[in-house]
Amino acid sequence: MDPYRQRIADLHERLGIPADYAERTGLRLQREPGQLVEVQPGRSGRQQRLAPEAAARWARLEVAAEADGIGLVVVSAYRSAEYQASLIERKLARGEDIATILRVNAAPGYSEHHTGCAVDVGVAGQEPLTEAFETTRAFAWLGAHAIRWGFALSYPRDNPHGIVYEPWHWAFQAALE
């Protein structure tokens, strides 16, 4: 087994993620990029990073959105498999069960955030990572224009992966194919 797959298998075992996770969800193993570049700081002030091509496309998308009066805030971008595991561990420590958690967070190794091509988007003055994002002008703008820069909504309502609807999660698709 290659080292990355072994890291992921070890994380899954530690977290109690079912062995058939990939088969049940249809999600593919996502590799971490060799290089990342900084993009705008996220809401938390933590510097956000994307893979170089995704970052360049995102920058052009942001300029176009701003020209149309739309301000986008990067809430989260690249996350390592270990960081993804820490998100799940915090929820487990609060008493949430793994099945519920995996409807909200992809298992380590299977999150598009690992690729450096996914962006969780918000707007100033609104609670991030909620379905309310779909009511914003930013969401409508992304729905109409994001594909021009290669970005698409990853988890629409009733998606086949069993992930909850995430109107805030957009990914640079060319790199994920």
N, C-alpha and C. Protein backbone atom coordinates (compact mmCIF):
# COMPACT_ATOMS: atom_id res chain seq x y z
N MET A 1 0.85 -1.18 0.00
CA MET A 1 0.00 0.00 0.00
C MET A 1 0.90 1.24 0.00
N ASP A 2 0.54 2.23 -0.84
CA ASP A 2 1.37 3.43 -0.86
C ASP A 2 1.21 4.21 0.45
N PRO A 3 2.20 5.03 0.79
CA PRO A 3 2.20 5.71 2.09
C PRO A 3 0.94 6.57 2.34
N TYR A 4 0.44 7.26 1.30
CA TYR A 4 -0.75 8.09 1.50
C TYR A 4 -1.96 7.22 1.84
N ARG A 5 -2.16 6.16 1.09
CA ARG A 5 -3.29 5.26 1.37
C ARG A 5 -3.15 4.67 2.78
N GLN A 6 -1.93 4.36 3.20
CA GLN A 6 -1.73 3.83 4.55
C GLN A 6 -2.08 4.88 5.60
N ARG A 7 -1.67 6.14 5.38
CA ARG A 7 -2.03 7.23 6.31
C ARG A 7 -3.54 7.31 6.46
N ILE A 8 -4.24 7.25 5.32
CA ILE A 8 -5.70 7.36 5.33
C ILE A 8 -6.32 6.16 6.04
N ALA A 9 -5.84 4.96 5.74
CA ALA A 9 -6.36 3.76 6.40
C ALA A 9 -6.17 3.85 7.91
N ASP A 10 -5.01 4.33 8.34
CA ASP A 10 -4.74 4.48 9.78
C ASP A 10 -5.69 5.49 10.42
N LEU A 11 -5.91 6.62 9.74
CA LEU A 11 -6.84 7.63 10.25
C LEU A 11 -8.26 7.06 10.35
N HIS A 12 -8.68 6.33 9.33
CA HIS A 12 -10.03 5.75 9.34
C HIS A 12 -10.19 4.76 10.49
N GLU A 13 -9.18 3.95 10.69
CA GLU A 13 -9.26 2.97 11.79
C GLU A 13 -9.36 3.70 13.13
N ARG A 14 -8.54 4.72 13.31
CA ARG A 14 -8.54 5.49 14.56
C ARG A 14 -9.89 6.15 14.82
N LEU A 15 -10.54 6.63 13.74
CA LEU A 15 -11.80 7.36 13.88
C LEU A 15 -13.04 6.47 13.86
N GLY A 16 -12.86 5.20 13.50
CA GLY A 16 -14.02 4.30 13.42
C GLY A 16 -14.83 4.48 12.15
N ILE A 17 -14.17 4.89 11.09
CA ILE A 17 -14.86 5.07 9.80
C ILE A 17 -15.00 3.70 9.15
N PRO A 18 -16.21 3.36 8.72
CA PRO A 18 -16.43 2.03 8.14
C PRO A 18 -15.51 1.75 6.95
N ALA A 19 -15.06 0.50 6.85
CA ALA A 19 -14.14 0.09 5.78
C ALA A 19 -14.74 0.28 4.40
N ASP A 20 -16.07 0.25 4.28
CA ASP A 20 -16.71 0.38 2.97
C ASP A 20 -17.12 1.83 2.66
N TYR A 21 -16.54 2.80 3.36
CA TYR A 21 -16.91 4.21 3.19
C TYR A 21 -16.87 4.65 1.72
N ALA A 22 -15.78 4.38 1.03
CA ALA A 22 -15.65 4.83 -0.37
C ALA A 22 -16.73 4.19 -1.25
N GLU A 23 -16.96 2.93 -1.06
CA GLU A 23 -17.97 2.24 -1.88
C GLU A 23 -19.37 2.77 -1.60
N ARG A 24 -19.69 3.01 -0.32
CA ARG A 24 -21.02 3.50 0.05
C ARG A 24 -21.28 4.90 -0.46
N THR A 25 -20.26 5.76 -0.42
CA THR A 25 -20.46 7.17 -0.77
C THR A 25 -20.18 7.48 -2.23
N GLY A 26 -19.37 6.65 -2.88
CA GLY A 26 -18.97 6.96 -4.25
C GLY A 26 -17.91 8.05 -4.32
N LEU A 27 -17.40 8.46 -3.16
CA LEU A 27 -16.34 9.47 -3.15
C LEU A 27 -15.01 8.81 -3.49
N ARG A 28 -14.17 9.57 -4.19
CA ARG A 28 -12.85 9.07 -4.58
C ARG A 28 -11.79 9.56 -3.60
N LEU A 29 -10.74 8.77 -3.49
CA LEU A 29 -9.60 9.21 -2.71
C LEU A 29 -9.04 10.47 -3.34
N GLN A 30 -8.81 11.48 -2.53
CA GLN A 30 -8.31 12.77 -3.01
C GLN A 30 -6.87 12.95 -2.54
N ARG A 31 -5.98 13.17 -3.47
CA ARG A 31 -4.56 13.34 -3.15
C ARG A 31 -4.27 14.79 -2.77
N GLU A 32 -3.33 14.95 -1.87
CA GLU A 32 -2.89 16.29 -1.48
C GLU A 32 -1.92 16.82 -2.53
N PRO A 33 -1.96 18.13 -2.80
CA PRO A 33 -1.11 18.69 -3.84
C PRO A 33 0.35 18.81 -3.41
N GLY A 34 1.23 18.86 -4.39
CA GLY A 34 2.64 19.05 -4.11
C GLY A 34 2.98 20.49 -3.78
N GLN A 35 2.12 21.40 -4.22
CA GLN A 35 2.38 22.82 -4.02
C GLN A 35 1.08 23.54 -3.70
N LEU A 36 1.17 24.52 -2.84
CA LEU A 36 0.03 25.37 -2.49
C LEU A 36 0.47 26.82 -2.51
N VAL A 37 -0.46 27.71 -2.82
CA VAL A 37 -0.18 29.15 -2.78
C VAL A 37 -1.23 29.82 -1.90
N GLU A 38 -0.85 30.92 -1.30
CA GLU A 38 -1.76 31.63 -0.41
C GLU A 38 -2.79 32.41 -1.19
N VAL A 39 -4.01 32.41 -0.65
CA VAL A 39 -5.09 33.25 -1.15
C VAL A 39 -5.54 34.12 0.01
N GLN A 40 -6.63 34.84 -0.14
CA GLN A 40 -7.05 35.74 0.93
C GLN A 40 -7.20 35.02 2.26
N PRO A 41 -6.91 35.72 3.36
CA PRO A 41 -7.12 35.09 4.67
C PRO A 41 -8.59 34.76 4.85
N GLY A 42 -8.87 33.68 5.53
CA GLY A 42 -10.24 33.27 5.79
C GLY A 42 -10.85 34.09 6.91
N ARG A 43 -12.10 33.78 7.24
CA ARG A 43 -12.83 34.48 8.29
C ARG A 43 -12.10 34.42 9.62
N SER A 44 -11.44 33.32 9.88
CA SER A 44 -10.76 33.14 11.16
C SER A 44 -9.43 33.89 11.21
N GLY A 45 -9.03 34.44 10.06
CA GLY A 45 -7.74 35.10 9.99
C GLY A 45 -6.63 34.13 9.62
N ARG A 46 -6.95 32.82 9.61
CA ARG A 46 -5.96 31.80 9.21
C ARG A 46 -5.73 31.92 7.71
N GLN A 47 -4.48 31.97 7.30
CA GLN A 47 -4.15 32.08 5.88
C GLN A 47 -4.69 30.86 5.15
N GLN A 48 -5.34 31.10 4.03
CA GLN A 48 -5.91 30.02 3.23
C GLN A 48 -5.01 29.76 2.03
N ARG A 49 -4.95 28.48 1.63
CA ARG A 49 -4.10 28.10 0.50
C ARG A 49 -4.88 27.23 -0.47
N LEU A 50 -4.50 27.35 -1.74
CA LEU A 50 -5.07 26.53 -2.81
C LEU A 50 -3.93 26.04 -3.70
N ALA A 51 -4.22 25.02 -4.48
CA ALA A 51 -3.28 24.57 -5.51
C ALA A 51 -3.10 25.73 -6.50
N PRO A 52 -1.94 25.85 -7.14
CA PRO A 52 -1.66 27.02 -7.98
C PRO A 52 -2.72 27.34 -9.04
N GLU A 53 -3.14 26.36 -9.82
CA GLU A 53 -4.13 26.66 -10.88
C GLU A 53 -5.47 27.06 -10.27
N ALA A 54 -5.90 26.38 -9.22
CA ALA A 54 -7.15 26.73 -8.56
C ALA A 54 -7.06 28.14 -7.98
N ALA A 55 -5.92 28.49 -7.39
CA ALA A 55 -5.74 29.82 -6.81
C ALA A 55 -5.81 30.90 -7.90
N ALA A 56 -5.18 30.65 -9.03
CA ALA A 56 -5.21 31.63 -10.12
C ALA A 56 -6.63 31.82 -10.64
N ARG A 57 -7.35 30.71 -10.82
CA ARG A 57 -8.74 30.80 -11.29
C ARG A 57 -9.62 31.47 -10.25
N TRP A 58 -9.40 31.14 -8.97
CA TRP A 58 -10.21 31.75 -7.92
C TRP A 58 -9.97 33.27 -7.87
N ALA A 59 -8.74 33.69 -8.04
CA ALA A 59 -8.43 35.13 -8.03
C ALA A 59 -9.18 35.85 -9.14
N ARG A 60 -9.21 35.26 -10.33
CA ARG A 60 -9.95 35.88 -11.45
C ARG A 60 -11.45 35.89 -11.17
N LEU A 61 -11.96 34.82 -10.58
CA LEU A 61 -13.37 34.76 -10.22
C LEU A 61 -13.70 35.86 -9.21
N GLU A 62 -12.85 36.04 -8.21
CA GLU A 62 -13.08 37.08 -7.19
C GLU A 62 -13.11 38.48 -7.80
N VAL A 63 -12.21 38.74 -8.73
CA VAL A 63 -12.17 40.06 -9.39
C VAL A 63 -13.48 40.29 -10.14
N ALA A 64 -13.94 39.28 -10.86
CA ALA A 64 -15.19 39.40 -11.60
C ALA A 64 -16.38 39.61 -10.66
N ALA A 65 -16.40 38.88 -9.56
CA ALA A 65 -17.48 39.04 -8.58
C ALA A 65 -17.47 40.45 -8.01
N GLU A 66 -16.30 40.94 -7.64
CA GLU A 66 -16.19 42.29 -7.10
C GLU A 66 -16.66 43.33 -8.10
N ALA A 67 -16.35 43.13 -9.39
CA ALA A 67 -16.80 44.06 -10.43
C ALA A 67 -18.32 44.10 -10.51
N ASP A 68 -18.96 43.01 -10.11
CA ASP A 68 -20.43 42.94 -10.10
C ASP A 68 -21.01 43.27 -8.73
N GLY A 69 -20.16 43.79 -7.83
CA GLY A 69 -20.63 44.18 -6.50
C GLY A 69 -20.81 43.04 -5.52
N ILE A 70 -20.16 41.92 -5.77
CA ILE A 70 -20.27 40.74 -4.92
C ILE A 70 -18.96 40.54 -4.17
N GLY A 71 -19.02 40.57 -2.85
CA GLY A 71 -17.84 40.33 -2.02
C GLY A 71 -17.85 38.90 -1.51
N LEU A 72 -16.84 38.15 -1.85
CA LEU A 72 -16.73 36.76 -1.42
C LEU A 72 -15.68 36.64 -0.32
N VAL A 73 -15.95 35.81 0.67
CA VAL A 73 -15.01 35.57 1.76
C VAL A 73 -14.66 34.08 1.75
N VAL A 74 -13.38 33.78 1.71
CA VAL A 74 -12.95 32.39 1.81
C VAL A 74 -13.02 31.99 3.28
N VAL A 75 -13.87 31.02 3.57
CA VAL A 75 -14.00 30.52 4.93
C VAL A 75 -12.97 29.42 5.18
N SER A 76 -12.79 28.55 4.18
CA SER A 76 -11.84 27.45 4.31
C SER A 76 -11.42 27.02 2.91
N ALA A 77 -10.17 26.64 2.76
CA ALA A 77 -9.66 26.14 1.47
C ALA A 77 -8.94 24.82 1.75
N TYR A 78 -7.65 24.74 1.46
CA TYR A 78 -6.91 23.48 1.67
C TYR A 78 -6.98 23.03 3.11
N ARG A 79 -7.20 21.72 3.28
CA ARG A 79 -7.11 21.07 4.58
C ARG A 79 -6.39 19.74 4.39
N SER A 80 -5.44 19.45 5.21
CA SER A 80 -4.76 18.16 5.15
C SER A 80 -5.69 17.07 5.67
N ALA A 81 -5.35 15.84 5.39
CA ALA A 81 -6.13 14.71 5.90
C ALA A 81 -6.12 14.72 7.43
N GLU A 82 -5.00 15.08 8.01
CA GLU A 82 -4.90 15.13 9.47
C GLU A 82 -5.80 16.23 10.05
N TYR A 83 -5.86 17.37 9.38
CA TYR A 83 -6.74 18.45 9.84
C TYR A 83 -8.20 17.99 9.75
N GLN A 84 -8.55 17.30 8.65
CA GLN A 84 -9.90 16.77 8.49
C GLN A 84 -10.21 15.80 9.63
N ALA A 85 -9.24 14.97 9.96
CA ALA A 85 -9.42 14.03 11.08
C ALA A 85 -9.66 14.78 12.38
N SER A 86 -8.95 15.88 12.59
CA SER A 86 -9.13 16.64 13.84
C SER A 86 -10.53 17.24 13.93
N LEU A 87 -11.11 17.64 12.79
CA LEU A 87 -12.49 18.14 12.80
C LEU A 87 -13.44 17.05 13.28
N ILE A 88 -13.22 15.84 12.78
CA ILE A 88 -14.07 14.70 13.14
C ILE A 88 -13.84 14.32 14.61
N GLU A 89 -12.60 14.34 15.05
CA GLU A 89 -12.30 14.00 16.45
C GLU A 89 -12.99 14.96 17.41
N ARG A 90 -13.03 16.24 17.09
CA ARG A 90 -13.71 17.21 17.96
C ARG A 90 -15.19 16.89 18.08
N LYS A 91 -15.80 16.50 16.95
CA LYS A 91 -17.22 16.16 16.98
C LYS A 91 -17.46 14.86 17.75
N LEU A 92 -16.59 13.89 17.57
CA LEU A 92 -16.70 12.64 18.34
C LEU A 92 -16.59 12.93 19.84
N ALA A 93 -15.68 13.82 20.21
CA ALA A 93 -15.49 14.17 21.62
C ALA A 93 -16.73 14.85 22.20
N ARG A 94 -17.51 15.52 21.35
CA ARG A 94 -18.76 16.15 21.80
C ARG A 94 -19.92 15.16 21.85
N GLY A 95 -19.65 13.90 21.47
CA GLY A 95 -20.68 12.88 21.57
C GLY A 95 -21.43 12.59 20.28
N GLU A 96 -21.05 13.22 19.17
CA GLU A 96 -21.71 12.93 17.90
C GLU A 96 -21.26 11.56 17.40
N ASP A 97 -22.15 10.86 16.71
CA ASP A 97 -21.77 9.54 16.18
C ASP A 97 -21.16 9.70 14.79
N ILE A 98 -20.33 8.74 14.41
CA ILE A 98 -19.56 8.83 13.18
C ILE A 98 -20.46 8.91 11.94
N ALA A 99 -21.58 8.20 11.93
CA ALA A 99 -22.47 8.23 10.77
C ALA A 99 -23.02 9.65 10.53
N THR A 100 -23.40 10.32 11.59
CA THR A 100 -23.91 11.70 11.48
C THR A 100 -22.79 12.64 11.02
N ILE A 101 -21.63 12.49 11.60
CA ILE A 101 -20.49 13.34 11.24
C ILE A 101 -20.16 13.19 9.76
N LEU A 102 -20.18 11.97 9.25
CA LEU A 102 -19.80 11.73 7.85
C LEU A 102 -20.85 12.21 6.85
N ARG A 103 -21.99 12.67 7.32
CA ARG A 103 -22.96 13.34 6.43
C ARG A 103 -22.59 14.81 6.27
N VAL A 104 -21.78 15.32 7.19
CA VAL A 104 -21.39 16.73 7.18
C VAL A 104 -19.93 16.91 6.75
N ASN A 105 -19.07 16.00 7.17
CA ASN A 105 -17.65 16.06 6.85
C ASN A 105 -17.25 14.80 6.09
N ALA A 106 -16.64 14.98 4.93
CA ALA A 106 -16.09 13.82 4.22
C ALA A 106 -14.99 13.21 5.08
N ALA A 107 -14.83 11.92 4.97
CA ALA A 107 -13.78 11.23 5.72
C ALA A 107 -12.40 11.72 5.27
N PRO A 108 -11.42 11.68 6.16
CA PRO A 108 -10.06 12.03 5.76
C PRO A 108 -9.66 11.21 4.53
N GLY A 109 -9.04 11.92 3.59
CA GLY A 109 -8.63 11.29 2.34
C GLY A 109 -9.66 11.44 1.24
N TYR A 110 -10.89 11.80 1.58
CA TYR A 110 -11.97 11.87 0.59
C TYR A 110 -12.56 13.28 0.46
N SER A 111 -12.00 14.24 1.17
CA SER A 111 -12.47 15.62 1.08
C SER A 111 -11.81 16.32 -0.09
N GLU A 112 -12.59 17.05 -0.86
CA GLU A 112 -12.02 17.86 -1.94
C GLU A 112 -11.06 18.91 -1.40
N HIS A 113 -11.21 19.27 -0.14
CA HIS A 113 -10.29 20.25 0.46
C HIS A 113 -8.85 19.75 0.44
N HIS A 114 -8.65 18.43 0.47
CA HIS A 114 -7.29 17.88 0.44
C HIS A 114 -6.56 18.23 -0.85
N THR A 115 -7.28 18.44 -1.92
CA THR A 115 -6.67 18.68 -3.23
C THR A 115 -6.15 20.10 -3.39
N GLY A 116 -6.60 20.99 -2.52
CA GLY A 116 -6.27 22.41 -2.69
C GLY A 116 -7.12 23.05 -3.76
N CYS A 117 -8.21 22.42 -4.12
CA CYS A 117 -9.09 22.93 -5.19
C CYS A 117 -10.47 23.32 -4.69
N ALA A 118 -10.76 23.12 -3.42
CA ALA A 118 -12.08 23.41 -2.88
C ALA A 118 -12.05 24.66 -2.00
N VAL A 119 -13.13 25.41 -2.07
CA VAL A 119 -13.26 26.64 -1.31
C VAL A 119 -14.63 26.65 -0.64
N ASP A 120 -14.65 26.85 0.66
CA ASP A 120 -15.89 27.13 1.36
C ASP A 120 -16.01 28.65 1.36
N VAL A 121 -17.14 29.13 0.85
CA VAL A 121 -17.33 30.55 0.60
C VAL A 121 -18.40 31.12 1.53
N GLY A 122 -18.18 32.34 1.96
CA GLY A 122 -19.18 33.05 2.74
C GLY A 122 -19.24 34.49 2.31
N VAL A 123 -20.04 35.25 3.02
CA VAL A 123 -20.13 36.69 2.79
C VAL A 123 -20.02 37.39 4.14
N ALA A 124 -19.52 38.60 4.11
CA ALA A 124 -19.37 39.38 5.33
C ALA A 124 -20.73 39.57 5.99
N GLY A 125 -20.74 39.47 7.31
CA GLY A 125 -21.95 39.74 8.06
C GLY A 125 -22.94 38.59 8.15
N GLN A 126 -22.56 37.42 7.65
CA GLN A 126 -23.46 36.26 7.73
C GLN A 126 -22.72 35.08 8.33
N GLU A 127 -23.42 34.33 9.16
CA GLU A 127 -22.86 33.11 9.75
C GLU A 127 -22.39 32.20 8.62
N PRO A 128 -21.13 31.72 8.68
CA PRO A 128 -20.63 30.87 7.59
C PRO A 128 -21.12 29.44 7.70
N LEU A 129 -21.01 28.73 6.59
CA LEU A 129 -21.26 27.30 6.51
C LEU A 129 -22.68 26.92 6.94
N THR A 130 -23.65 27.71 6.51
CA THR A 130 -25.05 27.39 6.75
C THR A 130 -25.80 27.46 5.42
N GLU A 131 -26.94 26.78 5.38
CA GLU A 131 -27.76 26.80 4.17
C GLU A 131 -28.22 28.21 3.82
N ALA A 132 -28.21 29.12 4.78
CA ALA A 132 -28.63 30.49 4.51
C ALA A 132 -27.78 31.12 3.40
N PHE A 133 -26.59 30.59 3.16
CA PHE A 133 -25.75 31.12 2.09
C PHE A 133 -26.48 31.08 0.74
N GLU A 134 -27.38 30.11 0.55
CA GLU A 134 -28.08 30.01 -0.73
C GLU A 134 -29.02 31.19 -0.98
N THR A 135 -29.31 31.98 0.04
CA THR A 135 -30.21 33.12 -0.14
C THR A 135 -29.44 34.40 -0.48
N THR A 136 -28.12 34.31 -0.56
CA THR A 136 -27.31 35.51 -0.80
C THR A 136 -27.13 35.80 -2.28
N ARG A 137 -26.82 37.05 -2.56
CA ARG A 137 -26.48 37.44 -3.93
C ARG A 137 -25.22 36.72 -4.39
N ALA A 138 -24.31 36.45 -3.44
CA ALA A 138 -23.07 35.75 -3.77
C ALA A 138 -23.36 34.35 -4.31
N PHE A 139 -24.27 33.63 -3.66
CA PHE A 139 -24.61 32.28 -4.13
C PHE A 139 -25.24 32.35 -5.53
N ALA A 140 -26.14 33.28 -5.73
CA ALA A 140 -26.77 33.42 -7.05
C ALA A 140 -25.71 33.74 -8.11
N TRP A 141 -24.78 34.62 -7.75
CA TRP A 141 -23.72 34.99 -8.69
C TRP A 141 -22.85 33.78 -9.01
N LEU A 142 -22.45 33.05 -8.00
CA LEU A 142 -21.63 31.85 -8.23
C LEU A 142 -22.37 30.85 -9.11
N GLY A 143 -23.65 30.65 -8.84
CA GLY A 143 -24.44 29.72 -9.63
C GLY A 143 -24.48 30.10 -11.10
N ALA A 144 -24.49 31.39 -11.37
CA ALA A 144 -24.56 31.87 -12.75
C ALA A 144 -23.19 31.99 -13.42
N HIS A 145 -22.13 32.19 -12.64
CA HIS A 145 -20.84 32.56 -13.25
C HIS A 145 -19.64 31.68 -12.89
N ALA A 146 -19.67 30.95 -11.80
CA ALA A 146 -18.47 30.24 -11.32
C ALA A 146 -17.91 29.27 -12.35
N ILE A 147 -18.75 28.66 -13.13
CA ILE A 147 -18.29 27.67 -14.10
C ILE A 147 -17.34 28.29 -15.14
N ARG A 148 -17.46 29.59 -15.37
CA ARG A 148 -16.56 30.25 -16.33
C ARG A 148 -15.10 30.14 -15.88
N TRP A 149 -14.88 29.98 -14.59
CA TRP A 149 -13.52 29.84 -14.06
C TRP A 149 -13.26 28.40 -13.61
N GLY A 150 -14.17 27.50 -13.94
CA GLY A 150 -13.96 26.09 -13.65
C GLY A 150 -14.47 25.61 -12.30
N PHE A 151 -15.18 26.48 -11.56
CA PHE A 151 -15.69 26.10 -10.24
C PHE A 151 -17.15 25.67 -10.32
N ALA A 152 -17.49 24.68 -9.53
CA ALA A 152 -18.86 24.18 -9.48
C ALA A 152 -19.23 23.81 -8.04
N LEU A 153 -20.52 23.84 -7.78
CA LEU A 153 -21.06 23.42 -6.49
C LEU A 153 -20.87 21.90 -6.37
N SER A 154 -20.21 21.47 -5.33
CA SER A 154 -19.89 20.04 -5.19
C SER A 154 -21.00 19.20 -4.59
N TYR A 155 -21.74 19.76 -3.63
CA TYR A 155 -22.71 18.97 -2.90
C TYR A 155 -24.10 19.62 -2.95
N PRO A 156 -24.77 19.49 -4.11
CA PRO A 156 -26.14 20.03 -4.21
C PRO A 156 -27.09 19.20 -3.35
N ARG A 157 -28.31 19.64 -3.27
CA ARG A 157 -29.32 18.87 -2.53
C ARG A 157 -29.40 17.46 -3.11
N ASP A 158 -29.61 16.50 -2.23
CA ASP A 158 -29.81 15.10 -2.62
C ASP A 158 -28.68 14.56 -3.50
N ASN A 159 -27.44 14.98 -3.21
CA ASN A 159 -26.30 14.47 -3.98
C ASN A 159 -26.11 12.99 -3.68
N PRO A 160 -25.51 12.26 -4.61
CA PRO A 160 -25.38 10.81 -4.45
C PRO A 160 -24.37 10.37 -3.39
N HIS A 161 -23.62 11.29 -2.82
CA HIS A 161 -22.58 10.93 -1.86
C HIS A 161 -23.08 10.87 -0.42
N GLY A 162 -24.30 11.34 -0.18
CA GLY A 162 -24.83 11.33 1.18
C GLY A 162 -24.31 12.46 2.03
N ILE A 163 -23.67 13.43 1.41
CA ILE A 163 -23.19 14.63 2.12
C ILE A 163 -24.35 15.64 2.14
N VAL A 164 -24.52 16.32 3.25
CA VAL A 164 -25.58 17.32 3.35
C VAL A 164 -25.39 18.40 2.27
N TYR A 165 -26.46 19.07 1.95
CA TYR A 165 -26.42 20.18 1.00
C TYR A 165 -25.47 21.25 1.53
N GLU A 166 -24.47 21.61 0.70
CA GLU A 166 -23.48 22.61 1.09
C GLU A 166 -23.42 23.71 0.03
N PRO A 167 -24.31 24.69 0.11
CA PRO A 167 -24.29 25.75 -0.91
C PRO A 167 -23.01 26.58 -0.89
N TRP A 168 -22.23 26.47 0.17
CA TRP A 168 -21.00 27.24 0.33
C TRP A 168 -19.77 26.54 -0.26
N HIS A 169 -19.87 25.27 -0.62
CA HIS A 169 -18.68 24.48 -1.03
C HIS A 169 -18.57 24.42 -2.56
N TRP A 170 -17.55 25.07 -3.07
CA TRP A 170 -17.30 25.15 -4.52
C TRP A 170 -15.90 24.62 -4.80
N ALA A 171 -15.76 23.88 -5.88
CA ALA A 171 -14.44 23.29 -6.18
C ALA A 171 -14.07 23.50 -7.64
N PHE A 172 -12.79 23.69 -7.85
CA PHE A 172 -12.23 23.81 -9.20
C PHE A 172 -12.24 22.42 -9.80
N GLN A 173 -13.15 22.19 -10.73
CA GLN A 173 -13.44 20.85 -11.22
C GLN A 173 -12.38 20.29 -12.17
N ALA A 174 -11.74 21.11 -12.95
CA ALA A 174 -10.77 20.60 -13.93
C ALA A 174 -9.68 19.79 -13.24
N ALA A 175 -9.30 20.19 -12.07
CA ALA A 175 -8.22 19.50 -11.35
C ALA A 175 -8.72 18.23 -10.65
N LEU A 176 -10.01 18.10 -10.48
CA LEU A 176 -10.56 16.95 -9.76
C LEU A 176 -10.91 15.79 -10.68
N GLU A 177 -10.85 16.02 -11.98
CA GLU A 177 -11.24 14.97 -12.92
C GLU A 177 -10.16 13.94 -13.11
